[in-house]
N, C-alpha and C. Protein backbone atom coordinates (compact mmCIF):
# COMPACT_ATOMS: atom_id res chain seq x y z
N MET A 1 -26.34 99.87 127.76
CA MET A 1 -25.52 100.09 127.55
C MET A 1 -26.03 97.58 126.97
N SER A 2 -25.47 97.86 125.62
CA SER A 2 -26.02 95.88 125.86
C SER A 2 -24.89 94.59 126.11
N ASN A 3 -25.35 94.09 126.73
CA ASN A 3 -25.07 92.26 127.00
C ASN A 3 -24.90 91.76 126.61
N ARG A 4 -24.79 91.98 125.51
CA ARG A 4 -24.93 91.09 124.06
C ARG A 4 -23.53 90.68 123.77
N VAL A 5 -23.59 89.22 124.03
CA VAL A 5 -21.95 88.20 123.91
C VAL A 5 -22.69 87.84 121.99
N THR A 6 -20.89 87.76 121.61
CA THR A 6 -20.89 87.34 120.53
C THR A 6 -20.24 86.34 120.46
N PRO A 7 -20.88 85.28 118.91
CA PRO A 7 -20.87 83.86 119.38
C PRO A 7 -19.59 83.57 119.06
N PRO A 8 -19.06 82.45 119.47
CA PRO A 8 -17.64 81.96 118.49
C PRO A 8 -18.11 81.88 117.14
N CYS A 9 -16.93 82.02 116.53
CA CYS A 9 -16.76 81.75 115.08
C CYS A 9 -16.79 79.83 114.99
N GLU A 10 -17.76 79.73 114.14
CA GLU A 10 -17.76 78.42 113.92
C GLU A 10 -17.10 76.93 113.07
N ALA A 11 -15.98 77.85 112.39
CA ALA A 11 -15.14 77.46 112.00
C ALA A 11 -13.87 76.49 113.19
N GLU A 12 -13.70 75.19 112.56
CA GLU A 12 -12.77 74.22 113.60
C GLU A 12 -11.70 74.93 113.81
N GLY A 13 -11.04 74.86 115.26
CA GLY A 13 -9.84 74.81 115.62
C GLY A 13 -10.02 77.17 115.96
N CYS A 14 -11.02 77.90 115.78
CA CYS A 14 -10.71 79.02 115.34
C CYS A 14 -11.12 79.79 117.02
N ARG A 15 -10.92 80.36 116.91
CA ARG A 15 -11.10 81.42 118.35
C ARG A 15 -11.52 83.31 118.29
N SER A 16 -11.82 83.18 117.17
CA SER A 16 -11.99 84.20 117.04
C SER A 16 -13.86 84.12 117.24
N PRO A 17 -14.02 85.98 117.43
CA PRO A 17 -15.41 86.56 117.41
C PRO A 17 -15.94 85.96 116.02
N GLY A 18 -17.25 85.90 116.13
CA GLY A 18 -18.16 85.25 114.66
C GLY A 18 -19.69 86.55 115.52
N PHE A 19 -18.64 87.61 114.19
CA PHE A 19 -18.79 88.60 114.42
C PHE A 19 -20.17 88.84 113.10
N ILE A 20 -20.07 87.97 111.71
CA ILE A 20 -20.51 87.32 110.83
C ILE A 20 -21.93 86.88 110.83
N ALA A 21 -23.12 86.66 110.69
CA ALA A 21 -23.62 86.04 110.59
C ALA A 21 -24.07 85.57 109.46
N CYS A 22 -24.72 84.10 109.06
CA CYS A 22 -24.61 84.07 107.71
C CYS A 22 -26.46 84.59 107.16
N ALA A 23 -26.38 85.21 106.07
CA ALA A 23 -27.08 86.04 106.11
C ALA A 23 -28.30 84.70 105.53
N TYR A 24 -27.85 83.62 104.90
CA TYR A 24 -28.95 82.56 104.17
C TYR A 24 -30.70 82.33 104.65
N ARG A 25 -31.56 82.68 103.61
CA ARG A 25 -32.68 82.76 104.18
C ARG A 25 -33.82 81.39 102.41
N ASP A 26 -34.03 80.74 103.48
CA ASP A 26 -34.32 79.65 102.28
C ASP A 26 -35.85 79.34 102.09
N ARG A 27 -36.72 78.91 101.29
CA ARG A 27 -37.73 79.60 100.62
C ARG A 27 -38.60 79.20 101.46
N ALA A 28 -38.27 78.51 103.16
CA ALA A 28 -39.67 78.39 104.01
C ALA A 28 -39.44 80.00 104.56
N GLY A 29 -38.82 80.97 104.49
CA GLY A 29 -37.89 81.11 105.70
C GLY A 29 -37.44 81.34 106.68
N ALA A 30 -37.04 80.20 106.66
CA ALA A 30 -35.79 79.86 107.80
C ALA A 30 -34.82 80.28 107.19
N GLU A 31 -33.81 80.82 108.77
CA GLU A 31 -32.39 81.21 108.59
C GLU A 31 -31.17 80.08 108.85
N CYS A 32 -30.26 81.13 108.29
CA CYS A 32 -28.94 79.32 108.84
C CYS A 32 -28.75 80.60 109.74
N THR A 33 -28.52 80.10 111.23
CA THR A 33 -27.81 80.71 112.46
C THR A 33 -26.41 80.99 112.86
N THR A 34 -25.79 80.35 111.79
CA THR A 34 -23.77 80.04 111.96
C THR A 34 -23.54 81.40 112.11
N HIS A 35 -22.31 81.60 112.87
CA HIS A 35 -21.48 83.02 113.01
C HIS A 35 -20.30 82.42 112.58
N TRP A 36 -19.67 83.58 111.77
CA TRP A 36 -18.59 83.62 111.03
C TRP A 36 -17.47 84.71 111.74
N CYS A 37 -16.43 84.46 111.41
CA CYS A 37 -15.44 85.63 111.66
C CYS A 37 -14.85 86.14 110.80
N SER A 38 -14.37 86.99 110.03
CA SER A 38 -14.16 87.41 108.55
C SER A 38 -13.08 86.87 107.97
N THR A 39 -12.45 86.01 108.34
CA THR A 39 -11.60 85.27 107.62
C THR A 39 -12.25 83.76 106.81
N HIS A 40 -13.36 83.18 107.81
CA HIS A 40 -13.75 82.34 107.83
C HIS A 40 -15.17 82.38 106.98
N ALA A 41 -15.97 83.69 107.25
CA ALA A 41 -17.11 83.71 106.29
C ALA A 41 -17.15 84.00 104.35
N ALA A 42 -17.73 83.21 103.65
CA ALA A 42 -17.19 82.80 102.37
C ALA A 42 -18.51 84.52 101.69
N SER A 43 -17.75 85.12 100.86
CA SER A 43 -19.01 85.98 100.21
C SER A 43 -19.34 85.97 98.66
N TYR A 44 -20.60 86.47 98.79
CA TYR A 44 -21.23 86.39 97.25
C TYR A 44 -22.18 86.90 97.62
N ALA A 45 -22.12 87.91 95.85
CA ALA A 45 -23.13 88.59 95.58
C ALA A 45 -23.52 90.08 96.56
N GLY A 46 -21.94 89.71 97.26
CA GLY A 46 -22.13 91.55 98.30
C GLY A 46 -22.54 91.46 99.31
N HIS A 47 -23.12 90.01 99.59
CA HIS A 47 -23.36 89.10 101.09
C HIS A 47 -22.72 88.48 102.06
N ARG A 48 -22.43 88.33 103.17
CA ARG A 48 -21.53 87.43 103.76
C ARG A 48 -22.14 86.06 103.97
N TYR A 49 -21.63 85.24 104.15
CA TYR A 49 -22.37 83.64 104.20
C TYR A 49 -21.36 82.37 105.01
N CYS A 50 -21.81 81.94 105.83
CA CYS A 50 -21.56 80.50 106.09
C CYS A 50 -20.79 79.99 104.27
N ARG A 51 -19.51 78.70 104.37
CA ARG A 51 -19.38 78.39 103.01
C ARG A 51 -19.90 77.71 102.37
N ARG A 52 -21.00 76.83 102.82
CA ARG A 52 -21.62 76.23 102.61
C ARG A 52 -22.89 76.50 102.10
N HIS A 53 -23.43 77.54 102.41
CA HIS A 53 -24.35 78.50 101.67
C HIS A 53 -23.98 79.26 100.43
N ALA A 54 -22.89 80.03 100.54
CA ALA A 54 -22.45 80.64 99.55
C ALA A 54 -22.16 79.65 98.40
N ASP A 55 -21.92 78.51 98.15
CA ASP A 55 -21.48 77.63 97.88
C ASP A 55 -22.67 76.81 97.00
N THR A 56 -23.71 77.21 97.73
CA THR A 56 -25.23 76.69 97.40
C THR A 56 -25.91 78.05 96.43
N LEU A 57 -25.85 79.04 96.38
CA LEU A 57 -26.39 80.52 95.99
C LEU A 57 -25.41 80.22 94.84
N ALA A 58 -23.89 79.63 94.70
CA ALA A 58 -22.95 79.96 93.35
C ALA A 58 -23.60 78.63 92.69
N GLY A 59 -24.08 77.16 93.05
CA GLY A 59 -24.52 76.09 92.05
C GLY A 59 -25.93 76.83 91.84
N LEU A 60 -26.46 78.03 92.27
CA LEU A 60 -27.57 78.31 91.84
C LEU A 60 -27.74 79.48 90.41
N SER A 61 -26.33 79.81 90.26
CA SER A 61 -26.26 81.04 88.95
C SER A 61 -26.11 80.10 87.25
N THR A 62 -27.68 80.27 87.56
CA THR A 62 -27.58 79.32 85.79
C THR A 62 -28.38 80.41 85.22
N PRO A 63 -28.03 80.22 83.18
CA PRO A 63 -28.96 81.19 82.80
C PRO A 63 -30.60 80.97 82.33
N PHE A 64 -30.78 81.04 83.74
CA PHE A 64 -32.64 80.46 82.92
C PHE A 64 -33.53 81.76 83.76
N ASP A 65 -34.44 82.39 83.35
CA ASP A 65 -35.54 83.23 84.16
C ASP A 65 -35.73 82.79 85.48
N GLY A 66 -35.78 83.49 86.56
CA GLY A 66 -35.57 84.00 87.69
C GLY A 66 -34.90 82.95 88.26
N THR A 67 -35.32 82.96 90.21
CA THR A 67 -34.12 82.07 90.82
C THR A 67 -35.27 81.13 91.16
N PRO A 68 -34.73 79.27 91.22
CA PRO A 68 -35.34 78.95 92.08
C PRO A 68 -35.65 78.65 93.37
N PRO A 69 -36.77 78.54 94.10
CA PRO A 69 -37.00 78.68 95.69
C PRO A 69 -35.83 78.19 96.13
N LEU A 70 -34.81 78.41 96.99
CA LEU A 70 -33.96 78.24 97.67
C LEU A 70 -33.98 76.82 98.37
N PRO A 71 -32.86 76.05 98.34
CA PRO A 71 -33.03 74.79 99.15
C PRO A 71 -32.87 75.41 100.82
N LEU A 72 -33.88 74.18 101.19
CA LEU A 72 -34.01 74.34 102.62
C LEU A 72 -32.64 74.53 103.50
N VAL A 73 -32.58 75.24 104.63
CA VAL A 73 -30.99 75.60 105.11
C VAL A 73 -30.67 74.76 105.22
N ASP A 74 -31.09 73.50 106.05
CA ASP A 74 -29.81 72.66 106.03
C ASP A 74 -29.99 70.79 105.12
N ASN A 75 -30.17 71.90 104.20
CA ASN A 75 -29.87 71.27 103.01
C ASN A 75 -28.41 71.19 101.88
N ARG A 76 -27.79 70.31 101.98
CA ARG A 76 -26.44 70.18 101.19
C ARG A 76 -26.19 70.15 99.98
N ALA A 77 -27.46 69.32 98.70
CA ALA A 77 -27.19 69.13 97.59
C ALA A 77 -26.88 70.27 96.75
N ALA A 78 -27.72 71.29 96.87
CA ALA A 78 -26.94 72.06 95.17
C ALA A 78 -25.08 72.59 96.04
N SER A 79 -24.99 72.46 97.19
CA SER A 79 -23.61 73.31 97.30
C SER A 79 -23.03 72.04 97.62
N LEU A 80 -22.96 70.79 97.56
CA LEU A 80 -22.68 69.91 96.96
C LEU A 80 -21.96 69.34 95.63
N LEU A 81 -23.30 69.27 94.68
CA LEU A 81 -22.87 69.54 93.50
C LEU A 81 -21.95 71.16 92.95
N HIS A 82 -22.44 71.78 93.60
CA HIS A 82 -21.01 72.75 92.86
C HIS A 82 -19.73 72.64 93.29
N TRP A 83 -19.20 72.53 94.33
CA TRP A 83 -18.16 71.48 94.80
C TRP A 83 -17.49 70.55 94.25
N MET A 84 -17.67 69.65 94.24
CA MET A 84 -18.10 68.35 92.88
C MET A 84 -17.76 68.70 91.45
N ALA A 85 -18.89 69.54 91.12
CA ALA A 85 -17.91 69.89 89.81
C ALA A 85 -17.28 70.64 89.66
N GLY A 86 -17.41 71.65 90.29
CA GLY A 86 -15.70 72.40 90.76
C GLY A 86 -14.52 71.02 90.36
N LEU A 87 -14.68 70.31 91.14
CA LEU A 87 -12.95 68.57 91.19
C LEU A 87 -13.27 68.45 89.72
N LEU A 88 -14.16 68.03 89.17
CA LEU A 88 -14.28 67.51 88.11
C LEU A 88 -14.45 68.39 87.04
N GLU A 89 -14.54 69.83 87.06
CA GLU A 89 -14.37 70.01 85.80
C GLU A 89 -13.33 69.45 84.56
N GLU A 90 -11.97 69.90 85.05
CA GLU A 90 -11.10 70.19 84.27
C GLU A 90 -10.81 68.14 83.97
N PRO A 91 -10.68 67.11 84.99
CA PRO A 91 -10.33 66.22 83.82
C PRO A 91 -11.92 66.00 83.81
N VAL A 92 -12.97 65.93 83.33
CA VAL A 92 -13.76 65.24 83.14
C VAL A 92 -13.89 66.52 81.37
N ARG A 93 -13.56 67.81 81.27
CA ARG A 93 -13.03 68.50 79.90
C ARG A 93 -12.40 67.70 79.31
N GLY A 94 -10.78 66.96 80.41
CA GLY A 94 -9.77 66.61 79.48
C GLY A 94 -9.95 65.64 78.81
N LEU A 95 -11.10 64.49 79.76
CA LEU A 95 -11.82 63.16 78.73
C LEU A 95 -12.43 63.38 77.50
N LEU A 96 -13.10 64.35 77.46
CA LEU A 96 -13.99 64.78 77.01
C LEU A 96 -13.91 65.36 74.81
N GLU A 97 -12.24 66.11 75.81
CA GLU A 97 -11.38 66.99 74.40
C GLU A 97 -11.15 65.92 73.88
N GLU A 98 -10.60 64.92 74.30
CA GLU A 98 -9.65 64.09 73.26
C GLU A 98 -10.53 63.16 73.19
N ARG A 99 -11.22 63.16 72.80
CA ARG A 99 -12.50 62.44 72.06
C ARG A 99 -13.31 63.27 71.29
N ARG A 100 -13.61 64.37 71.22
CA ARG A 100 -14.32 65.15 70.66
C ARG A 100 -13.47 65.44 68.95
N ARG A 101 -14.47 65.40 67.81
CA ARG A 101 -14.84 65.06 66.37
C ARG A 101 -14.37 66.51 66.27
N ALA A 102 -13.30 67.05 66.02
CA ALA A 102 -12.77 68.60 66.17
C ALA A 102 -13.68 69.11 65.04
N LEU A 103 -13.80 68.53 63.39
CA LEU A 103 -14.86 69.44 62.48
C LEU A 103 -16.25 68.96 62.81
N THR A 104 -16.57 68.45 63.45
CA THR A 104 -18.13 68.46 63.64
C THR A 104 -18.51 68.24 64.98
N GLU A 105 -18.15 68.78 66.52
CA GLU A 105 -18.55 68.49 67.56
C GLU A 105 -17.37 69.88 68.11
N ASN A 106 -18.53 70.37 69.02
CA ASN A 106 -18.33 71.52 70.24
C ASN A 106 -18.19 70.63 71.52
N LEU A 107 -17.27 71.21 72.82
CA LEU A 107 -17.59 71.21 73.88
C LEU A 107 -18.02 71.62 74.50
N VAL A 108 -18.97 71.73 75.15
CA VAL A 108 -20.12 72.41 76.41
C VAL A 108 -20.75 71.57 77.42
N THR A 109 -20.49 73.16 78.39
CA THR A 109 -20.55 73.06 79.37
C THR A 109 -21.33 73.79 80.12
N ASP A 110 -22.29 73.15 81.48
CA ASP A 110 -22.94 74.45 81.66
C ASP A 110 -22.36 75.39 82.62
N HIS A 111 -23.41 76.20 82.22
CA HIS A 111 -22.64 78.45 82.61
C HIS A 111 -22.18 78.21 84.02
N LEU A 112 -21.13 78.90 83.71
CA LEU A 112 -20.79 79.07 85.52
C LEU A 112 -20.11 78.06 85.80
N GLY A 113 -20.30 76.93 85.01
CA GLY A 113 -19.80 75.48 86.17
C GLY A 113 -21.08 74.82 87.09
N ALA A 114 -22.04 75.64 87.51
CA ALA A 114 -23.50 75.39 88.22
C ALA A 114 -24.24 74.20 87.70
N ALA A 115 -25.52 74.53 88.86
CA ALA A 115 -26.21 73.42 88.27
C ALA A 115 -27.31 74.50 86.94
N GLY A 116 -27.94 72.80 86.84
CA GLY A 116 -28.72 73.04 85.80
C GLY A 116 -29.98 73.94 86.12
N PRO A 117 -30.99 74.02 86.14
CA PRO A 117 -32.22 74.58 86.64
C PRO A 117 -32.98 73.34 87.37
N PRO A 118 -33.55 72.71 88.24
CA PRO A 118 -34.69 71.51 88.55
C PRO A 118 -35.96 71.65 87.23
N THR A 119 -36.27 70.61 87.29
CA THR A 119 -37.58 70.15 86.32
C THR A 119 -38.88 70.81 86.59
N ASP A 120 -38.29 70.54 88.21
CA ASP A 120 -39.45 71.34 88.78
C ASP A 120 -39.19 72.24 89.51
N PRO A 121 -39.11 73.55 89.89
CA PRO A 121 -38.18 74.02 90.89
C PRO A 121 -39.19 74.17 92.13
N ASP A 122 -40.69 73.97 92.28
CA ASP A 122 -41.08 73.95 93.22
C ASP A 122 -41.61 72.53 94.23
N ALA A 123 -41.38 71.77 93.43
CA ALA A 123 -41.13 70.78 93.90
C ALA A 123 -40.52 70.84 95.01
N GLU A 124 -41.12 69.83 95.93
CA GLU A 124 -40.67 69.61 97.73
C GLU A 124 -39.35 69.04 97.70
N ASN A 125 -38.39 68.61 96.70
CA ASN A 125 -37.57 67.84 96.55
C ASN A 125 -36.86 68.26 95.50
N ARG A 126 -35.90 68.82 94.88
CA ARG A 126 -34.65 68.82 93.69
C ARG A 126 -33.77 68.09 93.37
N GLU A 127 -33.70 68.09 92.04
CA GLU A 127 -32.25 67.19 91.78
C GLU A 127 -31.40 68.14 91.10
N TRP A 128 -30.41 68.54 91.25
CA TRP A 128 -29.31 69.30 91.04
C TRP A 128 -28.75 68.68 89.62
N VAL A 129 -28.14 69.16 89.03
CA VAL A 129 -27.27 68.82 87.71
C VAL A 129 -26.82 69.49 86.75
N ARG A 130 -25.22 68.90 86.60
CA ARG A 130 -23.95 69.22 85.94
C ARG A 130 -23.80 68.43 84.78
N ARG A 131 -23.42 69.59 83.89
CA ARG A 131 -23.38 68.45 82.51
C ARG A 131 -22.42 69.04 81.68
N TRP A 132 -21.46 67.95 80.64
CA TRP A 132 -20.20 68.26 80.23
C TRP A 132 -21.37 67.03 78.95
N GLN A 133 -20.70 67.72 77.90
CA GLN A 133 -21.40 67.67 76.37
C GLN A 133 -20.87 67.91 75.14
N LEU A 134 -20.40 66.87 74.48
CA LEU A 134 -19.92 66.71 73.01
C LEU A 134 -21.51 67.09 72.15
N VAL A 135 -21.21 68.27 71.51
CA VAL A 135 -22.94 68.20 70.82
C VAL A 135 -22.26 68.34 69.28
N GLU A 136 -23.21 67.78 68.16
CA GLU A 136 -23.21 67.85 67.17
C GLU A 136 -23.17 70.18 66.76
N HIS A 137 -22.39 69.73 66.04
CA HIS A 137 -22.47 71.52 65.15
C HIS A 137 -23.22 72.00 64.66
N THR A 138 -24.01 71.16 63.53
CA THR A 138 -25.19 70.90 62.41
C THR A 138 -26.62 71.23 63.12
N THR A 139 -26.68 69.74 63.79
CA THR A 139 -27.99 69.89 64.39
C THR A 139 -28.31 69.45 66.28
N GLY A 140 -26.89 70.42 66.83
CA GLY A 140 -26.95 70.46 68.22
C GLY A 140 -27.17 69.24 68.74
N HIS A 141 -27.38 67.86 69.08
CA HIS A 141 -27.37 66.58 68.87
C HIS A 141 -26.00 66.46 70.28
N ALA A 142 -26.35 65.97 71.27
CA ALA A 142 -25.17 65.96 72.22
C ALA A 142 -25.11 64.33 72.00
N THR A 143 -23.90 64.22 71.57
CA THR A 143 -23.52 62.94 71.54
C THR A 143 -22.90 62.27 72.07
N ILE A 144 -22.32 62.67 73.29
CA ILE A 144 -21.85 62.22 74.60
C ILE A 144 -22.45 62.78 75.14
N THR A 145 -23.37 63.13 76.62
CA THR A 145 -23.51 63.56 78.42
C THR A 145 -22.49 63.06 79.29
N VAL A 146 -22.03 63.68 79.93
CA VAL A 146 -21.64 63.41 81.34
C VAL A 146 -22.09 64.17 82.71
N SER A 147 -22.55 63.67 83.50
CA SER A 147 -23.56 64.23 84.21
C SER A 147 -23.24 63.91 85.72
N LEU A 148 -23.13 64.93 86.88
CA LEU A 148 -22.96 64.83 87.75
C LEU A 148 -24.42 65.26 88.31
N ALA A 149 -24.75 64.18 89.40
CA ALA A 149 -26.26 64.52 90.28
C ALA A 149 -26.41 64.67 91.61
N VAL A 150 -26.76 65.55 92.21
CA VAL A 150 -27.11 65.44 94.05
C VAL A 150 -28.95 65.49 94.10
N ASP A 151 -29.36 65.21 94.65
CA ASP A 151 -30.86 65.14 94.57
C ASP A 151 -31.51 66.34 96.23
N GLU A 152 -32.09 66.43 96.48
CA GLU A 152 -32.05 67.56 97.76
C GLU A 152 -32.63 66.23 98.54
N ALA A 153 -33.52 65.13 98.56
CA ALA A 153 -33.68 64.01 99.28
C ALA A 153 -33.64 62.99 99.44
N ASP A 154 -31.76 63.02 98.86
CA ASP A 154 -30.52 61.89 99.37
C ASP A 154 -29.23 62.64 98.81
N GLN A 155 -29.58 63.83 99.76
CA GLN A 155 -28.62 64.81 99.46
C GLN A 155 -27.19 64.67 99.95
N LYS A 156 -26.72 63.59 100.33
CA LYS A 156 -24.91 63.23 100.20
C LYS A 156 -25.03 62.16 99.01
N LYS A 157 -25.54 61.91 98.74
CA LYS A 157 -25.31 61.06 97.57
C LYS A 157 -25.21 61.96 95.76
N VAL A 158 -23.40 61.34 95.25
CA VAL A 158 -23.38 61.52 94.65
C VAL A 158 -23.62 60.75 93.02
N THR A 159 -24.65 61.15 92.12
CA THR A 159 -24.12 59.79 90.95
C THR A 159 -23.36 60.84 90.00
N VAL A 160 -23.02 59.50 88.80
CA VAL A 160 -21.99 60.74 87.88
C VAL A 160 -22.52 59.36 87.16
N ALA A 161 -23.01 60.08 85.41
CA ALA A 161 -23.11 58.82 84.85
C ALA A 161 -23.09 59.46 83.12
N VAL A 162 -22.80 58.42 82.70
CA VAL A 162 -22.27 59.06 81.16
C VAL A 162 -23.36 58.38 80.20
N ASN A 163 -23.85 59.37 79.25
CA ASN A 163 -25.48 59.51 78.88
C ASN A 163 -26.73 58.43 79.42
N GLY A 164 -26.20 59.25 80.65
CA GLY A 164 -27.50 58.57 80.97
C GLY A 164 -27.60 56.91 82.01
N THR A 165 -26.27 56.98 81.50
CA THR A 165 -26.28 55.63 82.72
C THR A 165 -25.52 55.92 83.27
N PRO A 166 -25.80 55.54 85.35
CA PRO A 166 -24.94 55.56 86.36
C PRO A 166 -23.59 55.06 86.27
N VAL A 167 -22.39 55.43 86.38
CA VAL A 167 -20.88 54.49 86.33
C VAL A 167 -20.67 54.68 88.28
N HIS A 168 -21.16 56.05 88.56
CA HIS A 168 -20.77 56.60 90.22
C HIS A 168 -22.36 56.94 90.96
N THR A 169 -22.24 55.55 92.05
CA THR A 169 -23.23 56.12 92.73
C THR A 169 -22.45 56.47 94.43
N GLY A 170 -22.70 57.07 95.01
CA GLY A 170 -22.03 57.14 96.17
C GLY A 170 -21.51 58.52 96.90
N GLU A 171 -21.51 58.16 98.99
CA GLU A 171 -21.51 59.29 99.37
C GLU A 171 -20.06 59.58 99.38
N PRO A 172 -20.00 60.95 99.24
CA PRO A 172 -18.28 60.76 99.29
C PRO A 172 -17.62 60.67 101.13
N PRO A 173 -16.86 59.86 101.04
CA PRO A 173 -15.90 59.15 101.59
C PRO A 173 -15.55 60.45 103.19
N TRP A 174 -15.71 61.39 103.14
CA TRP A 174 -15.31 62.52 103.65
C TRP A 174 -16.59 62.78 104.78
N ILE A 175 -17.94 62.83 104.04
CA ILE A 175 -18.99 63.87 104.88
C ILE A 175 -19.35 62.46 105.87
N GLY A 176 -19.74 63.48 106.76
CA GLY A 176 -19.95 62.77 108.18
C GLY A 176 -19.02 61.75 108.55
N ARG A 177 -18.11 62.30 108.72
CA ARG A 177 -16.60 61.84 109.67
C ARG A 177 -16.49 62.51 111.14
N GLY A 178 -17.68 63.88 110.87
CA GLY A 178 -17.63 64.43 112.61
C GLY A 178 -16.48 64.73 113.05
N GLU A 179 -16.07 64.68 114.12
CA GLU A 179 -15.16 65.28 114.75
C GLU A 179 -13.84 65.42 113.84
N LYS A 180 -12.48 65.84 114.63
CA LYS A 180 -12.08 66.05 113.88
C LYS A 180 -11.49 65.03 113.08
N THR A 181 -10.59 65.65 111.57
CA THR A 181 -10.41 64.71 110.89
C THR A 181 -8.87 65.50 110.75
N ASP A 182 -7.69 64.65 110.40
CA ASP A 182 -6.55 64.75 109.81
C ASP A 182 -6.85 65.37 108.67
N ALA A 183 -5.74 66.72 108.59
CA ALA A 183 -6.26 67.53 107.55
C ALA A 183 -5.44 67.00 106.31
N GLY A 184 -4.44 66.12 106.52
CA GLY A 184 -3.37 65.59 105.19
C GLY A 184 -4.24 64.20 104.72
N ALA A 185 -5.21 63.38 105.54
CA ALA A 185 -5.70 61.95 105.43
C ALA A 185 -7.42 63.00 104.56
N MET A 186 -7.78 63.93 105.34
CA MET A 186 -8.65 64.66 104.60
C MET A 186 -8.80 64.68 102.77
N LYS A 187 -7.18 65.18 102.64
CA LYS A 187 -7.07 65.35 101.46
C LYS A 187 -6.52 64.42 100.26
N ARG A 188 -6.27 63.52 101.33
CA ARG A 188 -6.01 61.93 100.39
C ARG A 188 -7.09 61.26 99.95
N SER A 189 -8.22 61.51 100.79
CA SER A 189 -9.49 60.90 101.03
C SER A 189 -10.35 61.32 99.40
N ARG A 190 -9.90 62.94 99.45
CA ARG A 190 -10.69 64.07 98.40
C ARG A 190 -10.23 63.30 97.74
N ARG A 191 -8.39 62.71 97.05
CA ARG A 191 -7.86 63.31 96.10
C ARG A 191 -8.60 61.75 95.53
N GLU A 192 -8.41 60.04 96.23
CA GLU A 192 -8.41 59.20 95.89
C GLU A 192 -10.55 59.30 95.23
N TYR A 193 -11.15 59.51 95.98
CA TYR A 193 -12.50 60.07 95.27
C TYR A 193 -12.16 60.13 94.04
N LEU A 194 -11.86 61.70 93.95
CA LEU A 194 -11.73 61.76 92.27
C LEU A 194 -11.20 61.32 91.63
N GLU A 195 -10.21 60.46 91.96
CA GLU A 195 -9.55 59.58 90.94
C GLU A 195 -10.30 58.58 90.74
N THR A 196 -11.32 57.59 91.54
CA THR A 196 -12.33 56.99 91.48
C THR A 196 -13.32 57.69 90.63
N LEU A 197 -13.71 58.51 90.47
CA LEU A 197 -14.93 58.76 89.70
C LEU A 197 -14.06 59.32 88.14
N VAL A 198 -13.58 59.67 88.33
CA VAL A 198 -12.88 59.98 87.16
C VAL A 198 -12.48 58.22 86.14
N ALA A 199 -11.69 57.82 87.13
CA ALA A 199 -11.51 56.33 86.48
C ALA A 199 -12.75 56.11 85.79
N ALA A 200 -13.92 55.61 86.56
CA ALA A 200 -15.57 55.35 86.30
C ALA A 200 -15.84 56.11 85.07
N ILE A 201 -15.25 57.30 84.90
CA ILE A 201 -15.83 58.09 83.13
C ILE A 201 -15.31 57.60 82.29
N GLU A 202 -14.00 57.42 82.65
CA GLU A 202 -13.41 57.01 80.92
C GLU A 202 -12.80 55.56 81.00
N ALA A 203 -13.59 54.93 82.39
CA ALA A 203 -13.71 53.55 81.43
C ALA A 203 -14.78 53.36 80.77
N ASP A 204 -15.83 53.75 81.13
CA ASP A 204 -17.57 53.58 79.99
C ASP A 204 -17.12 54.85 78.47
N LEU A 205 -16.46 55.53 79.02
CA LEU A 205 -16.33 56.73 77.79
C LEU A 205 -15.34 55.51 76.91
N ASP A 206 -14.39 54.93 77.58
CA ASP A 206 -13.31 54.28 76.37
C ASP A 206 -14.26 53.07 75.77
N ARG A 207 -15.18 52.78 76.61
CA ARG A 207 -16.47 51.79 75.78
C ARG A 207 -17.04 52.21 74.73
N GLN A 208 -17.66 53.21 75.12
CA GLN A 208 -18.27 53.85 74.13
C GLN A 208 -17.01 54.20 72.89
N ARG A 209 -16.45 55.72 73.20
CA ARG A 209 -15.27 56.04 71.73
C ARG A 209 -14.30 56.00 72.53
N PRO A 210 -13.52 55.38 72.34
CA PRO A 210 -11.95 55.19 72.29
C PRO A 210 -10.73 55.91 71.51
N VAL A 211 -9.87 56.83 72.68
CA VAL A 211 -9.40 57.24 71.66
C VAL A 211 -8.76 56.60 70.86
N THR A 212 -8.18 56.91 69.59
CA THR A 212 -7.86 56.74 68.70
C THR A 212 -6.47 56.72 69.14
N GLY A 213 -5.59 56.20 68.10
CA GLY A 213 -3.62 56.51 68.55
C GLY A 213 -3.39 55.94 69.80
N ARG A 214 -3.49 55.79 70.72
CA ARG A 214 -3.41 55.14 72.23
C ARG A 214 -3.60 53.92 72.32
């Protein structure tokens, strides 16, 4: 008879047994050691993960040959990129759409909202990038590019740029708060941070290509 004790679910405030171990294994072979209940475990491609690593894998779902070596188990860069890209998707598309020259430009975004492959997939630290672009029909030239980037070497910092020029660089305010945080305060913090990013993008776009008739 086994005396093995099931660890508790690691979601804050959850008292359920953590029957589900995160299946993530990084490029060095290290495993995620967290455990979750069925409610708080996340699913991706038929496997169960902690939410961070499910987001990490979703953030790597890009149309290139092969899968780049997976980020180290304790590195949040790809996960943060994927999560922040989801927040920015709608407002950034809206800002670009109202500036798009309908007869000559298409609005192009990275596949499935995920990160583009790193320039050097085998580098010790990689930068993960999400792009939204206005592209000319005939030449394929990008006339406007809004990008979001998170580097594995500085995994808590996001950089937002317009045509390669950073308009915001910083750490989302909810990262590293540690102990219990009021859910309402956290929600407000995320909303206000998103508004800050969108305002910075819009201000630079207005400088480069103002919306006519406004």
